[in-house]
Amino acid sequence: MADSLIAPVPGTKAPEKVEYPDEVIFAGSPLDYANAMIDALILDKAGWEKFGVEQTGQLKKANRDKADIVKTVGDCEARDRAAVRNAQPRFKIF
């Protein structure tokens, strides 16, 4: 597969929606509800962290082209400076 800046990172997808417990219909003690809420938060956070880590590969690829541009411009400027230094004058003034 060709390396493309818009190609998705393999295995990357948005995190799945986490169902949080509803306090109104929760059939348990307040402590059980709090534990269920904590479990849902941990699961939701882990999903978003995984998604972010997978997308970091896309960010590195997107920033790579900027580094390539800086190198290309630097090479062109160095070539131009060398050409100006080595240029021979066309006319001599006495």
PDB file of N, CA and C in Angstrom:
ATOM      1  N   MET A   1       0.840  -1.183   0.000  1.00  0.00           N
ATOM      2  CA  MET A   1       0.000   0.000   0.000  1.00  0.00           C
ATOM      3  C   MET A   1       0.881   1.240   0.000  1.00  0.00           C
ATOM      4  N   ALA A   2       0.548   2.190  -0.824  1.00  0.00           N
ATOM      5  CA  ALA A   2       1.326   3.427  -0.927  1.00  0.00           C
ATOM      6  C   ALA A   2       1.198   4.241   0.356  1.00  0.00           C
ATOM      7  N   ASP A   3       2.275   4.917   0.700  1.00  0.00           N
ATOM      8  CA  ASP A   3       2.271   5.778   1.871  1.00  0.00           C
ATOM      9  C   ASP A   3       1.532   7.064   1.531  1.00  0.00           C
ATOM     10  N   SER A   4       0.443   7.308   2.177  1.00  0.00           N
ATOM     11  CA  SER A   4      -0.362   8.479   1.884  1.00  0.00           C
ATOM     12  C   SER A   4      -0.692   9.201   3.181  1.00  0.00           C
ATOM     13  N   LEU A   5      -0.737  10.520   3.093  1.00  0.00           N
ATOM     14  CA  LEU A   5      -1.056  11.296   4.298  1.00  0.00           C
ATOM     15  C   LEU A   5      -2.506  11.125   4.720  1.00  0.00           C
ATOM     16  N   ILE A   6      -3.353  10.687   3.795  1.00  0.00           N
ATOM     17  CA  ILE A   6      -4.766  10.542   4.154  1.00  0.00           C
ATOM     18  C   ILE A   6      -5.153   9.092   4.419  1.00  0.00           C
ATOM     19  N   ALA A   7      -4.196   8.177   4.305  1.00  0.00           N
ATOM     20  CA  ALA A   7      -4.494   6.770   4.567  1.00  0.00           C
ATOM     21  C   ALA A   7      -4.740   6.577   6.059  1.00  0.00           C
ATOM     22  N   PRO A   8      -5.768   5.826   6.418  1.00  0.00           N
ATOM     23  CA  PRO A   8      -6.031   5.605   7.837  1.00  0.00           C
ATOM     24  C   PRO A   8      -4.974   4.701   8.458  1.00  0.00           C
ATOM     25  N   VAL A   9      -4.727   4.913   9.719  1.00  0.00           N
ATOM     26  CA  VAL A   9      -3.816   4.045  10.445  1.00  0.00           C
ATOM     27  C   VAL A   9      -4.528   2.708  10.630  1.00  0.00           C
ATOM     28  N   PRO A  10      -3.893   1.597  10.273  1.00  0.00           N
ATOM     29  CA  PRO A  10      -4.557   0.304  10.418  1.00  0.00           C
ATOM     30  C   PRO A  10      -5.034   0.070  11.845  1.00  0.00           C
ATOM     31  N   GLY A  11      -6.253  -0.369  11.967  1.00  0.00           N
ATOM     32  CA  GLY A  11      -6.824  -0.663  13.285  1.00  0.00           C
ATOM     33  C   GLY A  11      -7.378   0.551  14.012  1.00  0.00           C
ATOM     34  N   THR A  12      -7.331   1.712  13.389  1.00  0.00           N
ATOM     35  CA  THR A  12      -7.815   2.920  14.051  1.00  0.00           C
ATOM     36  C   THR A  12      -9.289   3.124  13.773  1.00  0.00           C
ATOM     37  N   LYS A  13     -10.016   3.367  14.808  1.00  0.00           N
ATOM     38  CA  LYS A  13     -11.415   3.755  14.673  1.00  0.00           C
ATOM     39  C   LYS A  13     -11.782   4.551  15.911  1.00  0.00           C
ATOM     40  N   ALA A  14     -12.798   5.335  15.786  1.00  0.00           N
ATOM     41  CA  ALA A  14     -13.230   6.133  16.936  1.00  0.00           C
ATOM     42  C   ALA A  14     -13.660   5.199  18.059  1.00  0.00           C
ATOM     43  N   PRO A  15     -13.442   5.608  19.292  1.00  0.00           N
ATOM     44  CA  PRO A  15     -13.821   4.754  20.405  1.00  0.00           C
ATOM     45  C   PRO A  15     -15.324   4.470  20.406  1.00  0.00           C
ATOM     46  N   GLU A  16     -15.667   3.297  20.879  1.00  0.00           N
ATOM     47  CA  GLU A  16     -17.078   2.938  20.965  1.00  0.00           C
ATOM     48  C   GLU A  16     -17.738   3.725  22.083  1.00  0.00           C
ATOM     49  N   LYS A  17     -19.021   3.953  21.914  1.00  0.00           N
ATOM     50  CA  LYS A  17     -19.780   4.709  22.912  1.00  0.00           C
ATOM     51  C   LYS A  17     -19.912   3.867  24.178  1.00  0.00           C
ATOM     52  N   VAL A  18     -19.557   4.448  25.285  1.00  0.00           N
ATOM     53  CA  VAL A  18     -19.649   3.772  26.580  1.00  0.00           C
ATOM     54  C   VAL A  18     -20.978   4.151  27.226  1.00  0.00           C
ATOM     55  N   GLU A  19     -21.680   3.140  27.682  1.00  0.00           N
ATOM     56  CA  GLU A  19     -22.960   3.379  28.362  1.00  0.00           C
ATOM     57  C   GLU A  19     -22.693   3.661  29.840  1.00  0.00           C
ATOM     58  N   TYR A  20     -23.048   4.858  30.255  1.00  0.00           N
ATOM     59  CA  TYR A  20     -22.912   5.213  31.659  1.00  0.00           C
ATOM     60  C   TYR A  20     -24.177   4.796  32.409  1.00  0.00           C
ATOM     61  N   PRO A  21     -24.026   4.402  33.663  1.00  0.00           N
ATOM     62  CA  PRO A  21     -25.220   4.009  34.421  1.00  0.00           C
ATOM     63  C   PRO A  21     -26.112   5.223  34.685  1.00  0.00           C
ATOM     64  N   ASP A  22     -27.407   4.983  34.657  1.00  0.00           N
ATOM     65  CA  ASP A  22     -28.381   6.036  34.934  1.00  0.00           C
ATOM     66  C   ASP A  22     -28.756   5.964  36.412  1.00  0.00           C
ATOM     67  N   GLU A  23     -28.487   7.032  37.120  1.00  0.00           N
ATOM     68  CA  GLU A  23     -28.719   7.038  38.562  1.00  0.00           C
ATOM     69  C   GLU A  23     -30.184   6.823  38.906  1.00  0.00           C
ATOM     70  N   VAL A  24     -31.078   7.296  38.051  1.00  0.00           N
ATOM     71  CA  VAL A  24     -32.511   7.195  38.336  1.00  0.00           C
ATOM     72  C   VAL A  24     -32.985   5.746  38.288  1.00  0.00           C
ATOM     73  N   ILE A  25     -32.490   4.978  37.302  1.00  0.00           N
ATOM     74  CA  ILE A  25     -32.982   3.600  37.158  1.00  0.00           C
ATOM     75  C   ILE A  25     -31.991   2.568  37.673  1.00  0.00           C
ATOM     76  N   PHE A  26     -30.889   3.014  38.303  1.00  0.00           N
ATOM     77  CA  PHE A  26     -29.884   2.083  38.802  1.00  0.00           C
ATOM     78  C   PHE A  26     -30.455   1.337  40.002  1.00  0.00           C
ATOM     79  N   ALA A  27     -30.401   0.002  39.939  1.00  0.00           N
ATOM     80  CA  ALA A  27     -30.967  -0.820  41.020  1.00  0.00           C
ATOM     81  C   ALA A  27     -29.835  -1.316  41.905  1.00  0.00           C
ATOM     82  N   GLY A  28     -29.381  -0.476  42.749  1.00  0.00           N
ATOM     83  CA  GLY A  28     -28.299  -0.864  43.648  1.00  0.00           C
ATOM     84  C   GLY A  28     -28.032   0.250  44.638  1.00  0.00           C
ATOM     85  N   SER A  29     -27.072   0.007  45.493  1.00  0.00           N
ATOM     86  CA  SER A  29     -26.738   1.006  46.504  1.00  0.00           C
ATOM     87  C   SER A  29     -25.984   2.163  45.859  1.00  0.00           C
ATOM     88  N   PRO A  30     -25.919   3.297  46.540  1.00  0.00           N
ATOM     89  CA  PRO A  30     -25.146   4.420  46.007  1.00  0.00           C
ATOM     90  C   PRO A  30     -23.677   4.056  45.766  1.00  0.00           C
ATOM     91  N   LEU A  31     -23.147   3.182  46.600  1.00  0.00           N
ATOM     92  CA  LEU A  31     -21.759   2.752  46.415  1.00  0.00           C
ATOM     93  C   LEU A  31     -21.623   1.924  45.128  1.00  0.00           C
ATOM     94  N   ASP A  32     -22.589   1.045  44.870  1.00  0.00           N
ATOM     95  CA  ASP A  32     -22.567   0.257  43.636  1.00  0.00           C
ATOM     96  C   ASP A  32     -22.675   1.177  42.415  1.00  0.00           C
ATOM     97  N   TYR A  33     -23.523   2.191  42.521  1.00  0.00           N
ATOM     98  CA  TYR A  33     -23.668   3.150  41.417  1.00  0.00           C
ATOM     99  C   TYR A  33     -22.351   3.890  41.172  1.00  0.00           C
ATOM    100  N   ALA A  34     -21.705   4.314  42.257  1.00  0.00           N
ATOM    101  CA  ALA A  34     -20.436   5.027  42.122  1.00  0.00           C
ATOM    102  C   ALA A  34     -19.378   4.127  41.479  1.00  0.00           C
ATOM    103  N   ASN A  35     -19.333   2.864  41.892  1.00  0.00           N
ATOM    104  CA  ASN A  35     -18.371   1.927  41.300  1.00  0.00           C
ATOM    105  C   ASN A  35     -18.669   1.683  39.821  1.00  0.00           C
ATOM    106  N   ALA A  36     -19.951   1.585  39.463  1.00  0.00           N
ATOM    107  CA  ALA A  36     -20.326   1.390  38.064  1.00  0.00           C
ATOM    108  C   ALA A  36     -19.944   2.625  37.239  1.00  0.00           C
ATOM    109  N   MET A  37     -20.116   3.811  37.797  1.00  0.00           N
ATOM    110  CA  MET A  37     -19.751   5.047  37.114  1.00  0.00           C
ATOM    111  C   MET A  37     -18.234   5.109  36.911  1.00  0.00           C
ATOM    112  N   ILE A  38     -17.472   4.734  37.924  1.00  0.00           N
ATOM    113  CA  ILE A  38     -16.014   4.731  37.820  1.00  0.00           C
ATOM    114  C   ILE A  38     -15.561   3.745  36.741  1.00  0.00           C
ATOM    115  N   ASP A  39     -16.163   2.566  36.715  1.00  0.00           N
ATOM    116  CA  ASP A  39     -15.814   1.577  35.691  1.00  0.00           C
ATOM    117  C   ASP A  39     -16.094   2.113  34.287  1.00  0.00           C
ATOM    118  N   ALA A  40     -17.227   2.787  34.116  1.00  0.00           N
ATOM    119  CA  ALA A  40     -17.577   3.347  32.808  1.00  0.00           C
ATOM    120  C   ALA A  40     -16.598   4.449  32.419  1.00  0.00           C
ATOM    121  N   LEU A  41     -16.225   5.287  33.359  1.00  0.00           N
ATOM    122  CA  LEU A  41     -15.257   6.357  33.083  1.00  0.00           C
ATOM    123  C   LEU A  41     -13.908   5.797  32.664  1.00  0.00           C
ATOM    124  N   ILE A  42     -13.458   4.756  33.351  1.00  0.00           N
ATOM    125  CA  ILE A  42     -12.167   4.140  33.019  1.00  0.00           C
ATOM    126  C   ILE A  42     -12.224   3.542  31.617  1.00  0.00           C
ATOM    127  N   LEU A  43     -13.307   2.860  31.288  1.00  0.00           N
ATOM    128  CA  LEU A  43     -13.457   2.263  29.971  1.00  0.00           C
ATOM    129  C   LEU A  43     -13.497   3.343  28.885  1.00  0.00           C
ATOM    130  N   ASP A  44     -14.226   4.431  29.140  1.00  0.00           N
ATOM    131  CA  ASP A  44     -14.325   5.524  28.172  1.00  0.00           C
ATOM    132  C   ASP A  44     -12.963   6.190  27.970  1.00  0.00           C
ATOM    133  N   LYS A  45     -12.271   6.448  29.066  1.00  0.00           N
ATOM    134  CA  LYS A  45     -10.948   7.081  28.991  1.00  0.00           C
ATOM    135  C   LYS A  45      -9.963   6.192  28.234  1.00  0.00           C
ATOM    136  N   ALA A  46      -9.978   4.908  28.491  1.00  0.00           N
ATOM    137  CA  ALA A  46      -9.061   3.985  27.819  1.00  0.00           C
ATOM    138  C   ALA A  46      -9.320   3.965  26.315  1.00  0.00           C
ATOM    139  N   GLY A  47     -10.590   4.007  25.920  1.00  0.00           N
ATOM    140  CA  GLY A  47     -10.912   4.022  24.497  1.00  0.00           C
ATOM    141  C   GLY A  47     -10.373   5.254  23.807  1.00  0.00           C
ATOM    142  N   TRP A  48     -10.542   6.407  24.427  1.00  0.00           N
ATOM    143  CA  TRP A  48     -10.049   7.654  23.823  1.00  0.00           C
ATOM    144  C   TRP A  48      -8.532   7.695  23.813  1.00  0.00           C
ATOM    145  N   GLU A  49      -7.887   7.161  24.845  1.00  0.00           N
ATOM    146  CA  GLU A  49      -6.423   7.129  24.860  1.00  0.00           C
ATOM    147  C   GLU A  49      -5.899   6.246  23.731  1.00  0.00           C
ATOM    148  N   LYS A  50      -6.515   5.088  23.526  1.00  0.00           N
ATOM    149  CA  LYS A  50      -6.104   4.184  22.452  1.00  0.00           C
ATOM    150  C   LYS A  50      -6.280   4.875  21.099  1.00  0.00           C
ATOM    151  N   PHE A  51      -7.400   5.544  20.920  1.00  0.00           N
ATOM    152  CA  PHE A  51      -7.663   6.260  19.677  1.00  0.00           C
ATOM    153  C   PHE A  51      -6.599   7.331  19.436  1.00  0.00           C
ATOM    154  N   GLY A  52      -6.255   8.081  20.472  1.00  0.00           N
ATOM    155  CA  GLY A  52      -5.252   9.143  20.340  1.00  0.00           C
ATOM    156  C   GLY A  52      -3.873   8.596  19.989  1.00  0.00           C
ATOM    157  N   VAL A  53      -3.499   7.501  20.612  1.00  0.00           N
ATOM    158  CA  VAL A  53      -2.189   6.901  20.334  1.00  0.00           C
ATOM    159  C   VAL A  53      -2.140   6.413  18.891  1.00  0.00           C
ATOM    160  N   GLU A  54      -3.224   5.802  18.415  1.00  0.00           N
ATOM    161  CA  GLU A  54      -3.249   5.319  17.036  1.00  0.00           C
ATOM    162  C   GLU A  54      -3.170   6.480  16.052  1.00  0.00           C
ATOM    163  N   GLN A  55      -3.793   7.598  16.374  1.00  0.00           N
ATOM    164  CA  GLN A  55      -3.783   8.738  15.472  1.00  0.00           C
ATOM    165  C   GLN A  55      -2.451   9.476  15.475  1.00  0.00           C
ATOM    166  N   THR A  56      -1.610   9.225  16.473  1.00  0.00           N
ATOM    167  CA  THR A  56      -0.294   9.868  16.515  1.00  0.00           C
ATOM    168  C   THR A  56       0.513   9.528  15.271  1.00  0.00           C
ATOM    169  N   GLY A  57       0.319   8.329  14.744  1.00  0.00           N
ATOM    170  CA  GLY A  57       1.006   7.958  13.504  1.00  0.00           C
ATOM    171  C   GLY A  57       0.619   8.876  12.364  1.00  0.00           C
ATOM    172  N   GLN A  58      -0.649   9.268  12.297  1.00  0.00           N
ATOM    173  CA  GLN A  58      -1.100  10.198  11.264  1.00  0.00           C
ATOM    174  C   GLN A  58      -0.451  11.563  11.464  1.00  0.00           C
ATOM    175  N   LEU A  59      -0.342  12.002  12.700  1.00  0.00           N
ATOM    176  CA  LEU A  59       0.268  13.300  12.978  1.00  0.00           C
ATOM    177  C   LEU A  59       1.735  13.311  12.574  1.00  0.00           C
ATOM    178  N   LYS A  60       2.443  12.232  12.854  1.00  0.00           N
ATOM    179  CA  LYS A  60       3.851  12.156  12.455  1.00  0.00           C
ATOM    180  C   LYS A  60       3.983  12.207  10.941  1.00  0.00           C
ATOM    181  N   LYS A  61       3.087  11.520  10.237  1.00  0.00           N
ATOM    182  CA  LYS A  61       3.146  11.556   8.774  1.00  0.00           C
ATOM    183  C   LYS A  61       2.818  12.953   8.257  1.00  0.00           C
ATOM    184  N   ALA A  62       1.871  13.621   8.885  1.00  0.00           N
ATOM    185  CA  ALA A  62       1.505  14.967   8.447  1.00  0.00           C
ATOM    186  C   ALA A  62       2.636  15.955   8.697  1.00  0.00           C
ATOM    187  N   ASN A  63       3.342  15.796   9.785  1.00  0.00           N
ATOM    188  CA  ASN A  63       4.445  16.707  10.094  1.00  0.00           C
ATOM    189  C   ASN A  63       5.700  16.379   9.295  1.00  0.00           C
ATOM    190  N   ARG A  64       5.804  15.150   8.801  1.00  0.00           N
ATOM    191  CA  ARG A  64       6.974  14.763   8.017  1.00  0.00           C
ATOM    192  C   ARG A  64       7.098  15.609   6.755  1.00  0.00           C
ATOM    193  N   ASP A  65       5.976  15.913   6.100  1.00  0.00           N
ATOM    194  CA  ASP A  65       6.055  16.696   4.868  1.00  0.00           C
ATOM    195  C   ASP A  65       6.563  18.106   5.143  1.00  0.00           C
ATOM    196  N   LYS A  66       6.282  18.646   6.319  1.00  0.00           N
ATOM    197  CA  LYS A  66       6.793  19.970   6.674  1.00  0.00           C
ATOM    198  C   LYS A  66       8.319  19.923   6.825  1.00  0.00           C
ATOM    199  N   ALA A  67       8.826  18.876   7.440  1.00  0.00           N
ATOM    200  CA  ALA A  67      10.281  18.728   7.574  1.00  0.00           C
ATOM    201  C   ALA A  67      10.923  18.559   6.205  1.00  0.00           C
ATOM    202  N   ASP A  68      10.256  17.816   5.320  1.00  0.00           N
ATOM    203  CA  ASP A  68      10.781  17.649   3.958  1.00  0.00           C
ATOM    204  C   ASP A  68      10.840  18.981   3.219  1.00  0.00           C
ATOM    205  N   ILE A  69       9.832  19.826   3.409  1.00  0.00           N
ATOM    206  CA  ILE A  69       9.802  21.126   2.742  1.00  0.00           C
ATOM    207  C   ILE A  69      10.953  22.004   3.242  1.00  0.00           C
ATOM    208  N   VAL A  70      11.166  22.019   4.536  1.00  0.00           N
ATOM    209  CA  VAL A  70      12.255  22.822   5.105  1.00  0.00           C
ATOM    210  C   VAL A  70      13.593  22.349   4.543  1.00  0.00           C
ATOM    211  N   LYS A  71      13.800  21.047   4.432  1.00  0.00           N
ATOM    212  CA  LYS A  71      15.055  20.519   3.887  1.00  0.00           C
ATOM    213  C   LYS A  71      15.196  20.889   2.415  1.00  0.00           C
ATOM    214  N   THR A  72      14.119  20.777   1.644  1.00  0.00           N
ATOM    215  CA  THR A  72      14.173  21.106   0.217  1.00  0.00           C
ATOM    216  C   THR A  72      14.499  22.583   0.011  1.00  0.00           C
ATOM    217  N   VAL A  73      13.855  23.452   0.761  1.00  0.00           N
ATOM    218  CA  VAL A  73      14.124  24.889   0.638  1.00  0.00           C
ATOM    219  C   VAL A  73      15.564  25.188   1.037  1.00  0.00           C
ATOM    220  N   GLY A  74      16.036  24.569   2.099  1.00  0.00           N
ATOM    221  CA  GLY A  74      17.429  24.764   2.513  1.00  0.00           C
ATOM    222  C   GLY A  74      18.412  24.316   1.445  1.00  0.00           C
ATOM    223  N   ASP A  75      18.130  23.172   0.822  1.00  0.00           N
ATOM    224  CA  ASP A  75      19.009  22.685  -0.260  1.00  0.00           C
ATOM    225  C   ASP A  75      19.004  23.646  -1.447  1.00  0.00           C
ATOM    226  N   CYS A  76      17.834  24.158  -1.804  1.00  0.00           N
ATOM    227  CA  CYS A  76      17.741  25.100  -2.929  1.00  0.00           C
ATOM    228  C   CYS A  76      18.484  26.403  -2.627  1.00  0.00           C
ATOM    229  N   GLU A  77      18.334  26.894  -1.400  1.00  0.00           N
ATOM    230  CA  GLU A  77      19.038  28.130  -1.038  1.00  0.00           C
ATOM    231  C   GLU A  77      20.547  27.921  -1.053  1.00  0.00           C
ATOM    232  N   ALA A  78      21.010  26.778  -0.588  1.00  0.00           N
ATOM    233  CA  ALA A  78      22.449  26.493  -0.614  1.00  0.00           C
ATOM    234  C   ALA A  78      22.948  26.407  -2.055  1.00  0.00           C
ATOM    235  N   ARG A  79      22.176  25.771  -2.931  1.00  0.00           N
ATOM    236  CA  ARG A  79      22.543  25.683  -4.347  1.00  0.00           C
ATOM    237  C   ARG A  79      22.632  27.071  -4.966  1.00  0.00           C
ATOM    238  N   ASP A  80      21.651  27.939  -4.658  1.00  0.00           N
ATOM    239  CA  ASP A  80      21.650  29.295  -5.206  1.00  0.00           C
ATOM    240  C   ASP A  80      22.831  30.111  -4.695  1.00  0.00           C
ATOM    241  N   ARG A  81      23.156  29.987  -3.406  1.00  0.00           N
ATOM    242  CA  ARG A  81      24.309  30.707  -2.855  1.00  0.00           C
ATOM    243  C   ARG A  81      25.600  30.254  -3.525  1.00  0.00           C
ATOM    244  N   ALA A  82      25.732  28.949  -3.740  1.00  0.00           N
ATOM    245  CA  ALA A  82      26.935  28.428  -4.413  1.00  0.00           C
ATOM    246  C   ALA A  82      27.005  28.934  -5.849  1.00  0.00           C
ATOM    247  N   ALA A  83      25.874  29.010  -6.529  1.00  0.00           N
ATOM    248  CA  ALA A  83      25.867  29.495  -7.915  1.00  0.00           C
ATOM    249  C   ALA A  83      26.275  30.960  -7.968  1.00  0.00           C
ATOM    250  N   VAL A  84      25.812  31.768  -7.037  1.00  0.00           N
ATOM    251  CA  VAL A  84      26.170  33.191  -7.004  1.00  0.00           C
ATOM    252  C   VAL A  84      27.660  33.349  -6.689  1.00  0.00           C
ATOM    253  N   ARG A  85      28.175  32.562  -5.760  1.00  0.00           N
ATOM    254  CA  ARG A  85      29.602  32.618  -5.409  1.00  0.00           C
ATOM    255  C   ARG A  85      30.490  32.241  -6.594  1.00  0.00           C
ATOM    256  N   ASN A  86      30.063  31.272  -7.361  1.00  0.00           N
ATOM    257  CA  ASN A  86      30.887  30.765  -8.458  1.00  0.00           C
ATOM    258  C   ASN A  86      30.624  31.469  -9.791  1.00  0.00           C
ATOM    259  N   ALA A  87      29.712  32.391  -9.797  1.00  0.00           N
ATOM    260  CA  ALA A  87      29.385  33.066 -11.059  1.00  0.00           C
ATOM    261  C   ALA A  87      30.540  33.965 -11.491  1.00  0.00           C
ATOM    262  N   GLN A  88      30.815  33.981 -12.785  1.00  0.00           N
ATOM    263  CA  GLN A  88      31.852  34.853 -13.351  1.00  0.00           C
ATOM    264  C   GLN A  88      31.169  36.108 -13.889  1.00  0.00           C
ATOM    265  N   PRO A  89      31.760  37.262 -13.648  1.00  0.00           N
ATOM    266  CA  PRO A  89      31.149  38.471 -14.204  1.00  0.00           C
ATOM    267  C   PRO A  89      31.193  38.444 -15.736  1.00  0.00           C
ATOM    268  N   ARG A  90      30.163  38.955 -16.377  1.00  0.00           N
ATOM    269  CA  ARG A  90      30.102  38.973 -17.842  1.00  0.00           C
ATOM    270  C   ARG A  90      30.911  40.125 -18.437  1.00  0.00           C
ATOM    271  N   PHE A  91      30.939  41.215 -17.723  1.00  0.00           N
ATOM    272  CA  PHE A  91      31.620  42.389 -18.247  1.00  0.00           C
ATOM    273  C   PHE A  91      32.653  42.848 -17.247  1.00  0.00           C
ATOM    274  N   LYS A  92      33.766  43.338 -17.773  1.00  0.00           N
ATOM    275  CA  LYS A  92      34.775  43.919 -16.901  1.00  0.00           C
ATOM    276  C   LYS A  92      34.782  45.413 -17.134  1.00  0.00           C
ATOM    277  N   ILE A  93      34.759  46.127 -16.075  1.00  0.00           N
ATOM    278  CA  ILE A  93      34.820  47.586 -16.161  1.00  0.00           C
ATOM    279  C   ILE A  93      36.241  47.991 -15.798  1.00  0.00           C
ATOM    280  N   PHE A  94      36.826  48.811 -16.690  1.00  0.00           N
ATOM    281  CA  PHE A  94      38.232  49.216 -16.488  1.00  0.00           C
ATOM    282  C   PHE A  94      38.398  50.112 -15.328  1.00  0.00           C
TER     283      PHE A  94
END
